[in-house]
């Protein structure tokens, strides 16, 4: 795109307004694929780029592999000709805007791991040319876009704000929540400069109902962390209250539900066996890491992370105590973990507390089985190598063999009546039984 910087801004703005701009989405996972389909639905020619050949083959066959991205909208976008997938990074050179939606996990020592972001930025830099807009969507610490991504993009000589534009807009997907489509969720946008912000607003404004501009890249990065820290801290509070009320002989779920009847000044959060997914276990660590480097440790957030991380061990201790009350030891017992995904209705096992619970059961010489209607086989997981390849057991068969059941994820479609009738012991970490009116001496809340 030739001409001066203002000319290039105007030309790209016009292409975005007319939906003639070509958009690339780098990373077709839980956040990138829904965004790519929303772009295609809005009328943009959208190219999805991913480094995983297996994922690309699956998508080419019209299967996302994710329950929150069903086949009909994926195949409709493919038939329309507005959505295609590739592993060929050279095609970035033909794009007008490039969205980076790659994972930002934790490293082996609990530190932020930006290797996927850095690799994607280098691939973009190799094909970057004047007139393009680059947006990072991956959750990260405030300063990443400006301090990490921008220098990589500028390494070949192009300059942000003159030759290309750079923005940050955090993804806000909630897999399994059918109440909010990507296009319905407001998008926060921050730019490296005024022109970058203007173009990012034009891009997302053509796709979603509302954009929320903020003053800087760093403010936009902090918004996503704030959203998930809020949830992490409140879940930790619910977990701590569960322990305190349990020691007093009180039902934390009953107390929380009753408190939730107050129409102002209170928002109910419920306890559980731990937290999972990318957002709650990982994102607060990105904030605490950055806060320590800024000389202002976020001690409250760090404590919340510690409380939530301790819940799988508490669950297994509760299981051990309940088994002893039923005349058994955990060592030598077969335990059916009900639910491997980190929350109901999805197949995502990232950071799921079920995985840690299974490992802790076996560390105490118990035998851990699992049943999950959405997770037929546990995938390769770097942090849980001993669990790779394990298969979900048929429920009736597993119930006939087990000495205890631990309800970790309360999927719909599970016959909880049959579970409570067949299992000698049911340890319920989700209040799933009480919500269904199921009670018995073999049901223990934990």
Protein backbone atom coordinates (compact mmCIF):
# COMPACT_ATOMS: atom_id res chain seq x y z
CA UNK A 1 0.00 0.00 0.00
CA UNK A 2 1.91 3.05 -1.27
CA UNK A 3 1.65 6.71 -0.27
CA UNK A 4 2.21 8.61 2.95
CA UNK A 5 1.25 7.27 6.36
CA UNK A 6 -2.01 9.29 6.47
CA UNK A 7 -2.86 8.03 2.98
CA UNK A 8 -2.28 4.43 4.08
CA UNK A 9 -4.41 4.93 7.18
CA UNK A 10 -7.27 6.32 5.09
CA UNK A 11 -6.99 3.52 2.53
CA UNK A 12 -7.05 0.79 5.18
CA UNK A 13 -9.91 2.48 7.01
CA UNK A 14 -11.92 2.52 3.78
CA UNK A 15 -11.17 -1.13 3.09
CA UNK A 16 -12.29 -2.07 6.60
CA UNK A 17 -15.48 -0.04 6.24
CA UNK A 18 -16.32 -1.67 2.90
CA UNK A 19 -15.40 -5.18 4.17
CA UNK A 20 -12.91 -5.49 1.30
CA UNK A 21 -9.94 -5.79 3.67
CA UNK A 22 -8.35 -9.23 3.93
CA UNK A 23 -7.85 -10.44 7.49
CA UNK A 24 -5.56 -13.16 8.82
CA UNK A 25 -6.03 -14.85 12.18
CA UNK A 26 -2.88 -16.54 13.50
CA UNK A 27 -3.82 -19.36 15.87
CA UNK A 28 -7.09 -21.26 15.43
CA UNK A 29 -7.72 -22.40 18.98
CA UNK A 30 -10.46 -21.58 21.48
CA UNK A 31 -10.23 -17.83 20.83
CA UNK A 32 -8.82 -17.53 17.32
CA UNK A 33 -11.28 -19.75 15.49
CA UNK A 34 -14.44 -18.04 16.82
CA UNK A 35 -12.92 -14.67 15.93
CA UNK A 36 -12.07 -15.86 12.41
CA UNK A 37 -15.63 -17.11 11.88
CA UNK A 38 -17.07 -13.84 13.20
CA UNK A 39 -14.90 -11.93 10.72
CA UNK A 40 -16.09 -14.14 7.87
CA UNK A 41 -19.70 -13.76 8.95
CA UNK A 42 -19.24 -9.98 8.95
CA UNK A 43 -18.18 -10.18 5.30
CA UNK A 44 -14.39 -10.17 5.46
CA UNK A 45 -12.22 -12.55 3.47
CA UNK A 46 -10.56 -14.32 6.37
CA UNK A 47 -7.51 -16.57 6.38
CA UNK A 48 -6.82 -18.77 9.39
CA UNK A 49 -3.18 -19.73 9.92
CA UNK A 50 -2.08 -22.42 12.32
CA UNK A 51 1.15 -24.34 12.84
CA UNK A 52 -0.58 -27.62 13.74
CA UNK A 53 -1.13 -29.87 10.68
CA UNK A 54 -3.61 -32.05 12.58
CA UNK A 55 -5.78 -29.06 13.42
CA UNK A 56 -5.63 -27.81 9.84
CA UNK A 57 -6.70 -31.20 8.48
CA UNK A 58 -9.57 -31.35 10.91
CA UNK A 59 -10.74 -27.86 10.02
CA UNK A 60 -10.48 -28.61 6.32
CA UNK A 61 -12.89 -31.49 6.96
CA UNK A 62 -15.34 -29.09 8.57
CA UNK A 63 -14.70 -30.16 12.16
CA UNK A 64 -13.45 -27.67 14.75
CA UNK A 65 -12.83 -30.24 17.47
CA UNK A 66 -14.46 -27.83 19.92
CA UNK A 67 -18.04 -28.06 21.17
CA UNK A 68 -18.43 -24.28 21.34
CA UNK A 69 -17.64 -24.07 17.60
CA UNK A 70 -20.17 -26.44 16.02
CA UNK A 71 -19.95 -27.70 12.45
CA UNK A 72 -22.76 -25.64 10.83
CA UNK A 73 -21.19 -22.15 11.19
CA UNK A 74 -17.74 -23.48 10.33
CA UNK A 75 -18.92 -25.21 7.18
CA UNK A 76 -21.12 -22.24 6.24
CA UNK A 77 -18.09 -19.94 6.42
CA UNK A 78 -16.07 -22.37 4.30
CA UNK A 79 -18.83 -22.69 1.69
CA UNK A 80 -19.17 -18.92 1.49
CA UNK A 81 -15.56 -18.67 0.32
CA UNK A 82 -14.82 -16.11 3.03
CA UNK A 83 -12.92 -18.48 5.34
CA UNK A 84 -9.94 -20.63 4.47
CA UNK A 85 -7.16 -22.21 6.49
CA UNK A 86 -3.48 -22.72 5.77
CA UNK A 87 -0.11 -23.41 7.30
CA UNK A 88 1.63 -21.23 4.71
CA UNK A 89 2.88 -18.11 6.50
CA UNK A 90 3.84 -16.49 3.18
CA UNK A 91 0.18 -15.70 2.60
CA UNK A 92 0.40 -13.07 5.35
CA UNK A 93 1.96 -10.72 2.82
CA UNK A 94 -1.40 -10.44 1.05
CA UNK A 95 -3.30 -9.48 4.21
CA UNK A 96 -4.44 -6.04 5.33
CA UNK A 97 -4.78 -6.92 9.02
CA UNK A 98 -3.28 -9.73 11.09
CA UNK A 99 -4.67 -10.87 14.44
CA UNK A 100 -2.37 -12.93 16.69
CA UNK A 101 -4.36 -15.37 18.86
CA UNK A 102 -1.78 -17.84 20.17
CA UNK A 103 -1.46 -19.45 23.62
CA UNK A 104 0.26 -17.73 26.54
CA UNK A 105 0.78 -20.50 29.11
CA UNK A 106 3.07 -20.67 32.12
CA UNK A 107 6.64 -21.91 31.88
CA UNK A 108 8.18 -24.74 33.91
CA UNK A 109 8.83 -22.45 36.87
CA UNK A 110 5.43 -20.73 36.87
CA UNK A 111 6.61 -17.75 34.85
CA UNK A 112 4.86 -16.25 31.78
CA UNK A 113 5.76 -18.14 28.60
CA UNK A 114 5.59 -15.83 25.58
CA UNK A 115 7.37 -18.19 23.20
CA UNK A 116 4.28 -18.67 21.01
CA UNK A 117 3.68 -14.90 20.83
CA UNK A 118 7.30 -14.25 19.94
CA UNK A 119 7.32 -16.97 17.27
CA UNK A 120 4.10 -15.65 15.73
CA UNK A 121 5.44 -12.08 15.77
CA UNK A 122 8.61 -13.21 13.99
CA UNK A 123 6.56 -15.00 11.33
CA UNK A 124 4.45 -11.87 10.85
CA UNK A 125 7.58 -9.70 10.69
CA UNK A 126 9.02 -11.74 7.83
CA UNK A 127 5.98 -10.88 5.69
CA UNK A 128 5.08 -7.45 7.06
CA UNK A 129 4.79 -4.58 4.60
CA UNK A 130 3.63 -0.95 4.79
CA UNK A 131 -0.10 -0.46 5.27
CA UNK A 132 -0.85 -3.44 7.52
CA UNK A 133 -2.49 -3.50 10.94
CA UNK A 134 -1.28 -6.07 13.51
CA UNK A 135 -3.35 -6.84 16.60
CA UNK A 136 -2.32 -9.04 19.51
CA UNK A 137 -5.26 -10.80 21.20
CA UNK A 138 -3.38 -13.27 23.42
CA UNK A 139 -3.74 -12.66 27.15
CA UNK A 140 -0.52 -11.26 28.57
CA UNK A 141 1.10 -8.84 31.01
CA UNK A 142 0.85 -5.08 30.48
CA UNK A 143 3.71 -3.99 28.26
CA UNK A 144 3.99 -7.12 26.11
CA UNK A 145 2.70 -5.59 22.87
CA UNK A 146 4.96 -2.55 23.06
CA UNK A 147 8.04 -4.12 24.65
CA UNK A 148 8.05 -7.58 23.05
CA UNK A 149 5.94 -7.61 19.89
CA UNK A 150 6.72 -4.16 18.50
CA UNK A 151 10.54 -4.58 18.48
CA UNK A 152 10.19 -7.92 16.68
CA UNK A 153 7.95 -6.35 14.03
CA UNK A 154 10.30 -3.39 13.60
CA UNK A 155 13.47 -5.49 13.34
CA UNK A 156 13.40 -5.48 9.53
CA UNK A 157 13.28 -1.67 9.36
CA UNK A 158 9.56 -0.83 9.25
CA UNK A 159 8.30 1.59 11.89
CA UNK A 160 5.15 1.34 13.95
CA UNK A 161 2.90 4.37 13.42
CA UNK A 162 4.53 5.17 10.09
CA UNK A 163 4.65 1.97 8.07
CA UNK A 164 2.34 -0.33 10.01
CA UNK A 165 -0.07 -0.05 12.94
CA UNK A 166 -0.18 -2.02 16.14
CA UNK A 167 -3.01 -2.64 18.60
CA UNK A 168 -4.09 -4.92 21.42
CA UNK A 169 -7.59 -6.33 21.90
CA UNK A 170 -8.07 -9.11 24.46
CA UNK A 171 -10.21 -12.08 23.52
CA UNK A 172 -13.30 -12.59 25.68
CA UNK A 173 -14.50 -16.03 24.69
CA UNK A 174 -16.40 -18.16 27.21
CA UNK A 175 -16.48 -21.71 25.80
CA UNK A 176 -19.70 -23.51 26.66
CA UNK A 177 -21.67 -20.29 27.23
CA UNK A 178 -24.24 -20.26 24.44
CA UNK A 179 -25.64 -16.93 25.62
CA UNK A 180 -22.83 -14.86 24.11
CA UNK A 181 -21.61 -15.07 20.54
CA UNK A 182 -18.29 -13.47 19.63
CA UNK A 183 -20.10 -10.66 17.83
CA UNK A 184 -22.21 -9.91 20.92
CA UNK A 185 -19.29 -9.38 23.31
CA UNK A 186 -17.86 -5.83 23.50
CA UNK A 187 -14.22 -5.60 22.46
CA UNK A 188 -11.68 -3.51 24.35
CA UNK A 189 -9.09 -1.98 22.04
CA UNK A 190 -5.88 -0.09 22.71
CA UNK A 191 -3.43 1.24 20.14
CA UNK A 192 0.25 2.06 20.00
CA UNK A 193 -0.79 5.49 18.69
CA UNK A 194 -3.95 7.31 17.66
CA UNK A 195 -3.97 5.90 14.12
CA UNK A 196 -3.52 2.33 15.39
CA UNK A 197 -6.43 2.76 17.80
CA UNK A 198 -8.58 4.26 15.06
CA UNK A 199 -7.93 1.35 12.72
CA UNK A 200 -8.45 -1.27 15.41
CA UNK A 201 -11.79 0.31 16.28
CA UNK A 202 -12.73 0.24 12.58
CA UNK A 203 -11.83 -3.44 12.33
CA UNK A 204 -13.63 -4.67 15.44
CA UNK A 205 -16.47 -2.21 14.99
CA UNK A 206 -17.30 -3.98 11.73
CA UNK A 207 -17.60 -7.30 13.60
CA UNK A 208 -18.89 -6.72 17.13
CA UNK A 209 -21.74 -4.63 18.48
CA UNK A 210 -19.58 -2.40 20.66
CA UNK A 211 -15.95 -1.40 20.92
CA UNK A 212 -14.46 0.00 24.12
CA UNK A 213 -11.39 2.13 23.36
CA UNK A 214 -8.81 2.69 26.09
CA UNK A 215 -5.87 5.05 26.30
CA UNK A 216 -3.00 2.65 25.61
CA UNK A 217 -1.85 -0.84 24.72
CA UNK A 218 -0.98 -1.40 28.36
CA UNK A 219 -4.44 -0.41 29.59
CA UNK A 220 -6.05 -2.87 27.18
CA UNK A 221 -3.69 -5.64 28.32
CA UNK A 222 -4.53 -4.86 31.95
CA UNK A 223 -8.27 -5.04 31.29
CA UNK A 224 -8.16 -8.74 30.47
CA UNK A 225 -6.06 -9.52 33.53
CA UNK A 226 -8.42 -7.49 35.71
CA UNK A 227 -11.43 -9.44 34.49
CA UNK A 228 -9.89 -12.79 35.32
CA UNK A 229 -8.20 -11.70 38.54
CA UNK A 230 -11.63 -10.62 39.74
CA UNK A 231 -12.94 -14.12 39.16
CA UNK A 232 -9.88 -15.83 40.63
CA UNK A 233 -10.00 -13.79 43.83
CA UNK A 234 -13.72 -14.33 44.35
CA UNK A 235 -13.45 -18.06 43.68
CA UNK A 236 -10.61 -18.22 46.20
CA UNK A 237 -12.80 -16.42 48.72
CA UNK A 238 -15.61 -18.92 48.08
CA UNK A 239 -13.15 -21.79 48.57
CA UNK A 240 -11.80 -20.34 51.80
CA UNK A 241 -15.32 -19.73 53.12
CA UNK A 242 -16.18 -23.33 52.27
CA UNK A 243 -13.34 -24.53 54.49
CA UNK A 244 -14.27 -22.15 57.30
CA UNK A 245 -18.00 -22.87 57.19
CA UNK A 246 -17.34 -26.58 56.89
CA UNK A 247 -15.37 -26.46 60.13
CA UNK A 248 -18.43 -24.83 61.72
CA UNK A 249 -20.79 -27.49 60.38
CA UNK A 250 -22.36 -25.14 57.84
CA UNK A 251 -23.17 -25.74 54.16
CA UNK A 252 -21.22 -23.16 52.13
CA UNK A 253 -23.45 -23.63 49.08
CA UNK A 254 -26.60 -22.97 51.10
CA UNK A 255 -25.08 -19.87 52.66
CA UNK A 256 -23.82 -18.54 49.33
CA UNK A 257 -27.12 -19.15 47.53
CA UNK A 258 -29.05 -17.40 50.28
CA UNK A 259 -26.63 -14.46 50.24
CA UNK A 260 -27.21 -14.26 46.50
CA UNK A 261 -30.83 -13.30 47.12
CA UNK A 262 -29.63 -9.81 48.02
CA UNK A 263 -30.37 -7.68 44.94
CA UNK A 264 -27.42 -5.32 45.44
CA UNK A 265 -23.88 -5.33 46.80
CA UNK A 266 -23.26 -9.06 46.38
CA UNK A 267 -22.38 -11.42 43.57
CA UNK A 268 -22.35 -15.17 44.33
CA UNK A 269 -19.26 -17.24 43.56
CA UNK A 270 -19.30 -20.92 44.43
CA UNK A 271 -16.50 -23.16 45.72
CA UNK A 272 -15.08 -26.16 43.92
CA UNK A 273 -12.16 -28.59 43.64
CA UNK A 274 -9.85 -26.04 42.03
CA UNK A 275 -9.82 -23.86 38.94
CA UNK A 276 -9.06 -24.73 35.33
CA UNK A 277 -8.84 -23.43 31.80
CA UNK A 278 -6.43 -20.73 30.72
CA UNK A 279 -8.06 -17.76 32.37
CA UNK A 280 -8.34 -18.35 36.11
CA UNK A 281 -5.23 -20.43 36.92
CA UNK A 282 -2.89 -18.65 34.49
CA UNK A 283 -3.86 -15.03 33.89
CA UNK A 284 -3.47 -13.83 37.51
CA UNK A 285 0.11 -15.16 37.44
CA UNK A 286 0.84 -12.87 34.48
CA UNK A 287 -0.29 -9.95 36.63
CA UNK A 288 1.61 -10.97 39.78
CA UNK A 289 4.78 -11.57 37.75
CA UNK A 290 4.58 -8.12 36.17
CA UNK A 291 3.62 -6.48 39.48
CA UNK A 292 6.69 -7.94 41.22
CA UNK A 293 8.90 -6.62 38.42
CA UNK A 294 7.26 -3.21 38.85
CA UNK A 295 8.13 -3.26 42.56
CA UNK A 296 4.50 -3.53 43.71
CA UNK A 297 3.74 -7.17 44.59
CA UNK A 298 0.05 -8.08 44.25
CA UNK A 299 -0.03 -10.03 47.50
CA UNK A 300 -3.81 -10.43 47.62
CA UNK A 301 -3.83 -11.94 44.14
CA UNK A 302 -0.90 -14.21 44.98
CA UNK A 303 -2.77 -15.51 48.03
CA UNK A 304 -5.87 -16.19 45.91
CA UNK A 305 -3.74 -18.21 43.49
CA UNK A 306 -2.32 -20.22 46.39
CA UNK A 307 -5.79 -20.97 47.80
CA UNK A 308 -7.17 -22.11 44.46
CA UNK A 309 -4.09 -24.20 43.70
CA UNK A 310 -4.47 -25.98 47.04
CA UNK A 311 -8.03 -27.17 46.43
CA UNK A 312 -7.20 -30.43 44.57
CA UNK A 313 -5.11 -31.53 47.56
CA UNK A 314 -7.95 -30.60 49.91
CA UNK A 315 -10.30 -32.69 47.75
CA UNK A 316 -8.06 -35.74 48.01
CA UNK A 317 -7.67 -35.31 51.76
CA UNK A 318 -11.46 -35.15 52.04
CA UNK A 319 -11.72 -38.29 49.92
CA UNK A 320 -9.25 -40.10 52.15
CA UNK A 321 -11.15 -39.10 55.29
CA UNK A 322 -14.52 -40.09 53.78
CA UNK A 323 -13.17 -43.48 52.71
CA UNK A 324 -11.86 -44.10 56.22
CA UNK A 325 -15.30 -43.32 57.61
CA UNK A 326 -16.59 -46.04 55.28
CA UNK A 327 -14.00 -48.51 56.47
CA UNK A 328 -11.52 -48.19 53.60
CA UNK A 329 -8.17 -46.57 52.91
CA UNK A 330 -7.39 -44.58 49.80
CA UNK A 331 -4.46 -46.88 49.11
CA UNK A 332 -5.82 -49.78 47.11
CA UNK A 333 -9.17 -48.10 46.37
CA UNK A 334 -10.51 -47.54 42.86
CA UNK A 335 -11.79 -43.99 42.51
CA UNK A 336 -13.91 -42.77 39.62
CA UNK A 337 -13.29 -39.10 38.84
CA UNK A 338 -16.48 -37.78 37.28
CA UNK A 339 -15.57 -35.04 34.82
CA UNK A 340 -12.13 -34.37 33.32
CA UNK A 341 -12.89 -31.06 31.55
CA UNK A 342 -12.35 -27.94 33.60
CA UNK A 343 -15.99 -26.87 33.42
CA UNK A 344 -19.35 -28.30 32.31
CA UNK A 345 -20.34 -28.75 28.70
CA UNK A 346 -16.92 -28.55 27.06
CA UNK A 347 -14.02 -30.84 26.17
CA UNK A 348 -11.18 -28.57 27.33
CA UNK A 349 -8.94 -30.16 29.99
CA UNK A 350 -6.33 -27.39 30.20
CA UNK A 351 -5.34 -26.87 33.85
CA UNK A 352 -8.34 -28.94 34.94
CA UNK A 353 -8.27 -29.77 38.66
CA UNK A 354 -9.40 -33.29 37.72
CA UNK A 355 -5.93 -34.03 36.37
CA UNK A 356 -4.18 -33.04 39.57
CA UNK A 357 -6.75 -34.93 41.65
CA UNK A 358 -6.10 -38.10 39.65
CA UNK A 359 -2.36 -37.73 40.16
CA UNK A 360 -2.75 -37.15 43.90
CA UNK A 361 -5.01 -40.20 44.24
CA UNK A 362 -2.37 -42.35 42.58
CA UNK A 363 0.42 -40.75 44.63
CA UNK A 364 -1.43 -42.20 47.63
CA UNK A 365 -1.52 -45.60 45.91
CA UNK A 366 -5.15 -45.39 44.86
CA UNK A 367 -6.32 -46.18 41.33
CA UNK A 368 -7.89 -43.26 39.45
CA UNK A 369 -10.39 -43.86 36.64
CA UNK A 370 -12.38 -41.13 34.95
CA UNK A 371 -15.63 -40.70 33.06
CA UNK A 372 -16.34 -37.67 30.90
CA UNK A 373 -18.85 -37.69 28.02
CA UNK A 374 -16.90 -34.90 26.28
CA UNK A 375 -13.33 -36.17 26.79
CA UNK A 376 -13.00 -39.69 25.37
CA UNK A 377 -9.18 -39.67 25.65
CA UNK A 378 -6.84 -37.46 27.66
CA UNK A 379 -4.50 -35.61 25.29
CA UNK A 380 -0.77 -35.09 25.67
CA UNK A 381 -0.22 -32.68 28.53
CA UNK A 382 3.28 -31.53 29.44
CA UNK A 383 2.43 -31.16 33.12
CA UNK A 384 0.65 -34.52 33.39
CA UNK A 385 2.65 -37.06 31.34
CA UNK A 386 1.39 -40.10 33.28
CA UNK A 387 -2.22 -39.36 32.28
CA UNK A 388 -1.72 -39.11 28.51
CA UNK A 389 -3.85 -41.51 26.52
CA UNK A 390 -6.14 -42.59 29.35
CA UNK A 391 -9.67 -43.26 28.19
CA UNK A 392 -13.00 -42.31 29.65
CA UNK A 393 -14.61 -45.38 31.21
CA UNK A 394 -18.23 -46.36 30.49
CA UNK A 395 -20.17 -45.05 33.45
CA UNK A 396 -22.07 -48.20 34.41
CA UNK A 397 -18.95 -50.37 34.16
CA UNK A 398 -16.87 -47.93 36.19
CA UNK A 399 -19.52 -47.59 38.89
CA UNK A 400 -19.63 -51.36 39.29
CA UNK A 401 -15.87 -51.44 39.94
CA UNK A 402 -15.19 -48.33 42.00
CA UNK A 403 -15.04 -47.80 45.74
CA UNK A 404 -15.74 -44.07 45.47
CA UNK A 405 -16.79 -41.38 43.01
CA UNK A 406 -15.48 -37.80 43.07
CA UNK A 407 -17.69 -35.33 41.21
CA UNK A 408 -15.19 -32.82 39.84
CA UNK A 409 -17.05 -31.43 36.81
CA UNK A 410 -20.84 -31.55 36.88
CA UNK A 411 -21.66 -32.08 33.20
CA UNK A 412 -25.31 -32.21 32.21
CA UNK A 413 -26.39 -35.52 30.73
CA UNK A 414 -24.80 -37.62 33.47
CA UNK A 415 -27.19 -39.88 35.36
CA UNK A 416 -26.47 -38.64 38.88
CA UNK A 417 -29.31 -40.75 40.29
CA UNK A 418 -27.53 -43.85 39.01
CA UNK A 419 -24.20 -42.59 40.36
CA UNK A 420 -25.58 -42.05 43.85
CA UNK A 421 -27.47 -45.35 43.81
CA UNK A 422 -24.50 -47.44 42.69
CA UNK A 423 -21.44 -45.86 44.32
CA UNK A 424 -20.52 -46.81 47.88
CA UNK A 425 -19.25 -43.27 48.37
CA UNK A 426 -19.84 -40.05 46.40
CA UNK A 427 -17.61 -37.07 47.19
CA UNK A 428 -19.38 -34.05 45.68
CA UNK A 429 -17.17 -31.00 45.12
CA UNK A 430 -19.78 -29.15 43.05
CA UNK A 431 -22.99 -29.50 45.10
CA UNK A 432 -24.32 -31.42 42.08
CA UNK A 433 -26.22 -33.96 44.18
CA UNK A 434 -27.91 -31.51 46.53
CA UNK A 435 -29.00 -29.34 43.58
CA UNK A 436 -30.81 -32.38 42.22
CA UNK A 437 -32.35 -33.30 45.55
CA UNK A 438 -30.10 -36.35 45.95
CA UNK A 439 -29.18 -37.17 49.52
CA UNK A 440 -27.88 -40.22 51.32
CA UNK A 441 -25.34 -41.41 53.83
CA UNK A 442 -22.99 -42.24 50.96
CA UNK A 443 -22.97 -38.62 49.65
CA UNK A 444 -20.37 -36.32 51.19
CA UNK A 445 -19.94 -32.66 50.27
CA UNK A 446 -16.35 -31.52 49.90
